[in-house]
Amino acid sequence: LVVLPRPVVTEWLENEPLLALLPSDVGFFPQAQWHYVERRQGIAQLVLIYCRHGEGWLEIGPSRWRVQGGQAIAILPGIAHAYGANVNAPWTIYWVHMAGEKVAQVARLLGVDRSKPLFDPGHDPSLPPLYEAIIAQLSRGYTPVMLLEASLLLARLVARLLPTQVKEDSSSASSRIERVLLSLEQNLSAHV
């Protein structure tokens, strides 16, 4: 569990960082029996929880979602919510709070909103090491280089969590660009 001092987060975001997305809080709770969080006013960050094993739940207003291993939840800033572990099969979770002007874009890319906070990245073995790398990075300190590296790791984590359709769309765009560049290169060398 690492929680950045709020003055560090504020200063980073006010100084026009290279990446306008910062992990402000991050952690890992194995078999988090009796885990319960209630935030009646919400918080300023986007909360992202990945359930690796077990079960938990999320409540936003009158709606309640069951969260199982391989699923994730994203809670938008300012949204009142409560969540916790299933008493009989407590969840093992990785979690991160994201601050910065790009959190709304992250929510859009993940396809989540207030009425649809649950999504299904599956049991991706690359996710836990990314969370652990963010934890390790922020555990070393809060220098600008360390915060930049933590932001880069967070961007990689978000990229791994993107729905398959978004990943395929971006890779097909990359493929088209590569084909255009290859065609330009071939035509250029043919005319030289």
C-alpha atoms as a PDB file:
ATOM      1  CA  LEU A   1       0.000   0.000   0.000  1.00  0.00           C
ATOM      2  CA  VAL A   2       1.416   3.386  -1.037  1.00  0.00           C
ATOM      3  CA  VAL A   3      -0.409   6.704  -0.638  1.00  0.00           C
ATOM      4  CA  LEU A   4       1.302   9.749  -2.085  1.00  0.00           C
ATOM      5  CA  PRO A   5       1.172  12.872   0.069  1.00  0.00           C
ATOM      6  CA  ARG A   6      -1.501  15.110  -1.464  1.00  0.00           C
ATOM      7  CA  PRO A   7       0.900  18.091  -1.824  1.00  0.00           C
ATOM      8  CA  VAL A   8       3.136  15.850  -3.992  1.00  0.00           C
ATOM      9  CA  VAL A   9       0.175  14.938  -6.236  1.00  0.00           C
ATOM     10  CA  THR A  10      -0.977  18.566  -6.500  1.00  0.00           C
ATOM     11  CA  GLU A  11       2.498  19.870  -7.307  1.00  0.00           C
ATOM     12  CA  TRP A  12       3.067  17.180  -9.945  1.00  0.00           C
ATOM     13  CA  LEU A  13      -0.216  17.864 -11.720  1.00  0.00           C
ATOM     14  CA  GLU A  14       0.184  21.660 -11.543  1.00  0.00           C
ATOM     15  CA  ASN A  15       3.656  21.561 -13.147  1.00  0.00           C
ATOM     16  CA  GLU A  16       2.445  20.352 -16.557  1.00  0.00           C
ATOM     17  CA  PRO A  17       3.782  16.802 -16.366  1.00  0.00           C
ATOM     18  CA  LEU A  18       4.698  14.861 -19.477  1.00  0.00           C
ATOM     19  CA  LEU A  19       1.845  12.466 -18.636  1.00  0.00           C
ATOM     20  CA  ALA A  20      -1.211  14.081 -17.049  1.00  0.00           C
ATOM     21  CA  LEU A  21      -2.134  10.894 -15.186  1.00  0.00           C
ATOM     22  CA  LEU A  22      -0.604   9.916 -11.860  1.00  0.00           C
ATOM     23  CA  PRO A  23      -1.159   6.941  -9.546  1.00  0.00           C
ATOM     24  CA  SER A  24      -1.882   8.726  -6.271  1.00  0.00           C
ATOM     25  CA  ASP A  25      -2.660   5.592  -4.224  1.00  0.00           C
ATOM     26  CA  VAL A  26      -1.923   1.973  -5.049  1.00  0.00           C
ATOM     27  CA  GLY A  27      -1.996  -1.339  -3.239  1.00  0.00           C
ATOM     28  CA  PHE A  28      -2.567  -5.071  -3.022  1.00  0.00           C
ATOM     29  CA  PHE A  29      -4.901  -6.777  -0.547  1.00  0.00           C
ATOM     30  CA  PRO A  30      -4.672 -10.609  -0.546  1.00  0.00           C
ATOM     31  CA  GLN A  31      -7.824 -12.396   0.618  1.00  0.00           C
ATOM     32  CA  ALA A  32      -9.065  -9.142   2.135  1.00  0.00           C
ATOM     33  CA  GLN A  33     -11.559 -10.568   4.583  1.00  0.00           C
ATOM     34  CA  TRP A  34     -13.770  -7.872   6.150  1.00  0.00           C
ATOM     35  CA  HIS A  35     -12.552  -5.321   3.594  1.00  0.00           C
ATOM     36  CA  TYR A  36     -15.103  -2.510   3.415  1.00  0.00           C
ATOM     37  CA  VAL A  37     -14.890   1.054   2.087  1.00  0.00           C
ATOM     38  CA  GLU A  38     -17.672   3.638   2.020  1.00  0.00           C
ATOM     39  CA  ARG A  39     -17.234   7.101   0.553  1.00  0.00           C
ATOM     40  CA  ARG A  40     -20.444   9.132   0.813  1.00  0.00           C
ATOM     41  CA  GLN A  41     -18.970  12.042  -1.167  1.00  0.00           C
ATOM     42  CA  GLY A  42     -16.752  10.028  -3.510  1.00  0.00           C
ATOM     43  CA  ILE A  43     -13.140  11.097  -3.993  1.00  0.00           C
ATOM     44  CA  ALA A  44     -11.270  13.301  -6.462  1.00  0.00           C
ATOM     45  CA  GLN A  45      -9.515  10.371  -8.178  1.00  0.00           C
ATOM     46  CA  LEU A  46     -10.703   7.578 -10.449  1.00  0.00           C
ATOM     47  CA  VAL A  47     -10.618   4.328  -8.441  1.00  0.00           C
ATOM     48  CA  LEU A  48      -9.640   1.201 -10.356  1.00  0.00           C
ATOM     49  CA  ILE A  49      -9.870  -2.187  -8.639  1.00  0.00           C
ATOM     50  CA  TYR A  50      -8.856  -5.473 -10.280  1.00  0.00           C
ATOM     51  CA  CYS A  51     -10.216  -8.595  -8.568  1.00  0.00           C
ATOM     52  CA  ARG A  52      -7.720 -11.384  -9.057  1.00  0.00           C
ATOM     53  CA  HIS A  53      -9.477 -14.078  -7.020  1.00  0.00           C
ATOM     54  CA  GLY A  54     -12.493 -14.421  -4.778  1.00  0.00           C
ATOM     55  CA  GLU A  55     -15.480 -12.107  -4.769  1.00  0.00           C
ATOM     56  CA  GLY A  56     -16.525  -8.667  -3.706  1.00  0.00           C
ATOM     57  CA  TRP A  57     -19.259  -6.160  -4.405  1.00  0.00           C
ATOM     58  CA  LEU A  58     -19.750  -2.536  -5.402  1.00  0.00           C
ATOM     59  CA  GLU A  59     -22.662  -0.199  -4.650  1.00  0.00           C
ATOM     60  CA  ILE A  60     -23.343   3.089  -6.392  1.00  0.00           C
ATOM     61  CA  GLY A  61     -26.679   4.608  -5.421  1.00  0.00           C
ATOM     62  CA  PRO A  62     -29.355   1.889  -5.487  1.00  0.00           C
ATOM     63  CA  SER A  63     -27.326  -0.349  -7.848  1.00  0.00           C
ATOM     64  CA  ARG A  64     -25.192  -3.224  -6.636  1.00  0.00           C
ATOM     65  CA  TRP A  65     -22.710  -5.322  -8.633  1.00  0.00           C
ATOM     66  CA  ARG A  66     -21.098  -8.634  -7.763  1.00  0.00           C
ATOM     67  CA  VAL A  67     -17.377  -8.602  -8.587  1.00  0.00           C
ATOM     68  CA  GLN A  68     -15.582 -11.892  -9.296  1.00  0.00           C
ATOM     69  CA  GLY A  69     -12.040 -12.955 -10.112  1.00  0.00           C
ATOM     70  CA  GLY A  70     -10.935 -11.606 -13.492  1.00  0.00           C
ATOM     71  CA  GLN A  71     -13.277  -8.622 -13.291  1.00  0.00           C
ATOM     72  CA  ALA A  72     -12.502  -4.986 -12.526  1.00  0.00           C
ATOM     73  CA  ILE A  73     -14.386  -1.911 -11.415  1.00  0.00           C
ATOM     74  CA  ALA A  74     -13.787   1.737 -12.180  1.00  0.00           C
ATOM     75  CA  ILE A  75     -15.385   4.371  -9.973  1.00  0.00           C
ATOM     76  CA  LEU A  76     -15.457   7.855 -11.438  1.00  0.00           C
ATOM     77  CA  PRO A  77     -14.333  10.872  -9.408  1.00  0.00           C
ATOM     78  CA  GLY A  78     -16.968  12.474  -7.202  1.00  0.00           C
ATOM     79  CA  ILE A  79     -19.318   9.455  -7.226  1.00  0.00           C
ATOM     80  CA  ALA A  80     -20.563   8.258  -3.822  1.00  0.00           C
ATOM     81  CA  HIS A  81     -19.882   4.540  -3.474  1.00  0.00           C
ATOM     82  CA  ALA A  82     -19.241   1.583  -1.195  1.00  0.00           C
ATOM     83  CA  TYR A  83     -17.439  -1.679  -1.861  1.00  0.00           C
ATOM     84  CA  GLY A  84     -16.154  -4.659   0.018  1.00  0.00           C
ATOM     85  CA  ALA A  85     -15.146  -8.284   0.099  1.00  0.00           C
ATOM     86  CA  ASN A  86     -17.523 -11.221   0.071  1.00  0.00           C
ATOM     87  CA  VAL A  87     -17.504 -12.663   3.592  1.00  0.00           C
ATOM     88  CA  ASN A  88     -17.365 -16.301   2.444  1.00  0.00           C
ATOM     89  CA  ALA A  89     -14.919 -15.885  -0.461  1.00  0.00           C
ATOM     90  CA  PRO A  90     -13.016 -12.625   0.161  1.00  0.00           C
ATOM     91  CA  TRP A  91     -11.469 -11.010  -2.842  1.00  0.00           C
ATOM     92  CA  THR A  92      -7.791 -10.605  -3.586  1.00  0.00           C
ATOM     93  CA  ILE A  93      -7.464  -7.208  -5.201  1.00  0.00           C
ATOM     94  CA  TYR A  94      -4.995  -4.848  -6.770  1.00  0.00           C
ATOM     95  CA  TRP A  95      -6.128  -1.241  -6.773  1.00  0.00           C
ATOM     96  CA  VAL A  96      -5.000   2.179  -7.890  1.00  0.00           C
ATOM     97  CA  HIS A  97      -6.370   5.693  -7.613  1.00  0.00           C
ATOM     98  CA  MET A  98      -5.621   7.874 -10.647  1.00  0.00           C
ATOM     99  CA  ALA A  99      -5.335  11.650 -10.551  1.00  0.00           C
ATOM    100  CA  GLY A 100      -4.963  14.063 -13.437  1.00  0.00           C
ATOM    101  CA  GLU A 101      -6.772  15.595 -16.353  1.00  0.00           C
ATOM    102  CA  LYS A 102      -6.803  12.314 -18.328  1.00  0.00           C
ATOM    103  CA  VAL A 103      -8.989  10.291 -15.924  1.00  0.00           C
ATOM    104  CA  ALA A 104     -12.157  11.035 -17.909  1.00  0.00           C
ATOM    105  CA  GLN A 105     -10.412   9.783 -21.055  1.00  0.00           C
ATOM    106  CA  VAL A 106      -9.348   6.604 -19.217  1.00  0.00           C
ATOM    107  CA  ALA A 107     -12.977   5.971 -18.222  1.00  0.00           C
ATOM    108  CA  ARG A 108     -14.127   6.465 -21.823  1.00  0.00           C
ATOM    109  CA  LEU A 109     -11.453   4.111 -23.161  1.00  0.00           C
ATOM    110  CA  LEU A 110     -12.379   1.463 -20.596  1.00  0.00           C
ATOM    111  CA  GLY A 111     -16.050   1.854 -21.527  1.00  0.00           C
ATOM    112  CA  VAL A 112     -17.165   2.585 -17.964  1.00  0.00           C
ATOM    113  CA  ASP A 113     -19.421   5.190 -16.402  1.00  0.00           C
ATOM    114  CA  ARG A 114     -21.570   5.630 -13.304  1.00  0.00           C
ATOM    115  CA  SER A 115     -24.171   3.117 -14.492  1.00  0.00           C
ATOM    116  CA  LYS A 116     -21.615   0.629 -15.874  1.00  0.00           C
ATOM    117  CA  PRO A 117     -18.569   0.516 -13.556  1.00  0.00           C
ATOM    118  CA  LEU A 118     -17.861  -3.214 -13.973  1.00  0.00           C
ATOM    119  CA  PHE A 119     -15.744  -4.561 -16.827  1.00  0.00           C
ATOM    120  CA  ASP A 120     -14.020  -7.836 -17.601  1.00  0.00           C
ATOM    121  CA  PRO A 121     -10.287  -7.843 -18.444  1.00  0.00           C
ATOM    122  CA  GLY A 122     -10.130 -11.550 -17.555  1.00  0.00           C
ATOM    123  CA  HIS A 123      -7.353 -13.396 -15.775  1.00  0.00           C
ATOM    124  CA  ASP A 124      -4.521 -11.567 -17.501  1.00  0.00           C
ATOM    125  CA  PRO A 125      -1.194 -12.626 -15.930  1.00  0.00           C
ATOM    126  CA  SER A 126       0.414  -9.335 -16.998  1.00  0.00           C
ATOM    127  CA  LEU A 127      -1.822  -7.229 -14.718  1.00  0.00           C
ATOM    128  CA  PRO A 128      -0.484  -8.113 -11.235  1.00  0.00           C
ATOM    129  CA  PRO A 129       3.164  -7.409 -12.185  1.00  0.00           C
ATOM    130  CA  LEU A 130       2.167  -3.977 -13.506  1.00  0.00           C
ATOM    131  CA  TYR A 131       0.385  -3.104 -10.258  1.00  0.00           C
ATOM    132  CA  GLU A 132       3.371  -4.418  -8.293  1.00  0.00           C
ATOM    133  CA  ALA A 133       5.762  -2.357 -10.406  1.00  0.00           C
ATOM    134  CA  ILE A 134       3.769   0.802  -9.606  1.00  0.00           C
ATOM    135  CA  ILE A 135       3.828  -0.074  -5.900  1.00  0.00           C
ATOM    136  CA  ALA A 136       7.584  -0.692  -6.022  1.00  0.00           C
ATOM    137  CA  GLN A 137       8.241   2.507  -7.981  1.00  0.00           C
ATOM    138  CA  LEU A 138       6.291   4.745  -5.595  1.00  0.00           C
ATOM    139  CA  SER A 139       7.820   2.991  -2.574  1.00  0.00           C
ATOM    140  CA  ARG A 140      11.240   4.332  -3.629  1.00  0.00           C
ATOM    141  CA  GLY A 141      10.249   7.981  -3.342  1.00  0.00           C
ATOM    142  CA  TYR A 142       8.584  10.897  -5.060  1.00  0.00           C
ATOM    143  CA  THR A 143      11.230  12.543  -7.207  1.00  0.00           C
ATOM    144  CA  PRO A 144      10.053  13.843 -10.585  1.00  0.00           C
ATOM    145  CA  VAL A 145      11.764  10.947 -12.394  1.00  0.00           C
ATOM    146  CA  MET A 146      10.166   8.384 -10.090  1.00  0.00           C
ATOM    147  CA  LEU A 147       6.727   9.973 -10.542  1.00  0.00           C
ATOM    148  CA  LEU A 148       7.188  10.012 -14.315  1.00  0.00           C
ATOM    149  CA  GLU A 149       8.130   6.322 -14.291  1.00  0.00           C
ATOM    150  CA  ALA A 150       5.081   5.547 -12.115  1.00  0.00           C
ATOM    151  CA  SER A 151       2.901   7.473 -14.594  1.00  0.00           C
ATOM    152  CA  LEU A 152       4.364   5.467 -17.482  1.00  0.00           C
ATOM    153  CA  LEU A 153       3.638   2.213 -15.641  1.00  0.00           C
ATOM    154  CA  LEU A 154       0.081   3.390 -15.021  1.00  0.00           C
ATOM    155  CA  ALA A 155      -0.325   4.119 -18.743  1.00  0.00           C
ATOM    156  CA  ARG A 156       0.863   0.565 -19.505  1.00  0.00           C
ATOM    157  CA  LEU A 157      -1.633  -0.810 -16.981  1.00  0.00           C
ATOM    158  CA  VAL A 158      -4.490   1.132 -18.569  1.00  0.00           C
ATOM    159  CA  ALA A 159      -3.417  -0.116 -22.017  1.00  0.00           C
ATOM    160  CA  ARG A 160      -3.545  -3.746 -20.779  1.00  0.00           C
ATOM    161  CA  LEU A 161      -7.039  -3.176 -19.343  1.00  0.00           C
ATOM    162  CA  LEU A 162      -8.497  -1.752 -22.539  1.00  0.00           C
ATOM    163  CA  PRO A 163     -11.287  -3.784 -24.132  1.00  0.00           C
ATOM    164  CA  THR A 164     -10.142  -6.026 -26.975  1.00  0.00           C
ATOM    165  CA  GLN A 165     -12.078  -3.963 -29.534  1.00  0.00           C
ATOM    166  CA  VAL A 166     -10.127  -0.804 -28.614  1.00  0.00           C
ATOM    167  CA  LYS A 167      -6.821  -2.703 -28.794  1.00  0.00           C
ATOM    168  CA  GLU A 168      -7.730  -4.179 -32.192  1.00  0.00           C
ATOM    169  CA  ASP A 169      -8.867  -0.822 -33.567  1.00  0.00           C
ATOM    170  CA  SER A 170      -5.607   0.844 -32.556  1.00  0.00           C
ATOM    171  CA  SER A 171      -3.490  -1.998 -33.892  1.00  0.00           C
ATOM    172  CA  SER A 172      -5.321  -1.956 -37.223  1.00  0.00           C
ATOM    173  CA  ALA A 173      -4.672   1.798 -37.434  1.00  0.00           C
ATOM    174  CA  SER A 174      -1.019   1.077 -36.715  1.00  0.00           C
ATOM    175  CA  SER A 175      -1.020  -1.560 -39.436  1.00  0.00           C
ATOM    176  CA  ARG A 176      -2.442   0.914 -41.940  1.00  0.00           C
ATOM    177  CA  ILE A 177       0.178   3.505 -41.012  1.00  0.00           C
ATOM    178  CA  GLU A 178       2.950   0.933 -41.338  1.00  0.00           C
ATOM    179  CA  ARG A 179       1.658  -0.062 -44.793  1.00  0.00           C
ATOM    180  CA  VAL A 180       1.552   3.587 -45.903  1.00  0.00           C
ATOM    181  CA  LEU A 181       5.103   4.205 -44.644  1.00  0.00           C
ATOM    182  CA  LEU A 182       6.349   1.055 -46.352  1.00  0.00           C
ATOM    183  CA  SER A 183       4.656   2.086 -49.612  1.00  0.00           C
ATOM    184  CA  LEU A 184       6.170   5.578 -49.403  1.00  0.00           C
ATOM    185  CA  GLU A 185       9.608   4.109 -48.738  1.00  0.00           C
ATOM    186  CA  GLN A 186       9.320   1.703 -51.682  1.00  0.00           C
ATOM    187  CA  ASN A 187       8.097   4.432 -54.042  1.00  0.00           C
ATOM    188  CA  LEU A 188      10.776   6.833 -52.891  1.00  0.00           C
ATOM    189  CA  SER A 189      13.565   4.306 -53.524  1.00  0.00           C
ATOM    190  CA  ALA A 190      12.059   3.450 -56.925  1.00  0.00           C
ATOM    191  CA  HIS A 191      12.353   7.098 -58.015  1.00  0.00           C
ATOM    192  CA  VAL A 192      15.927   7.646 -56.802  1.00  0.00           C
END
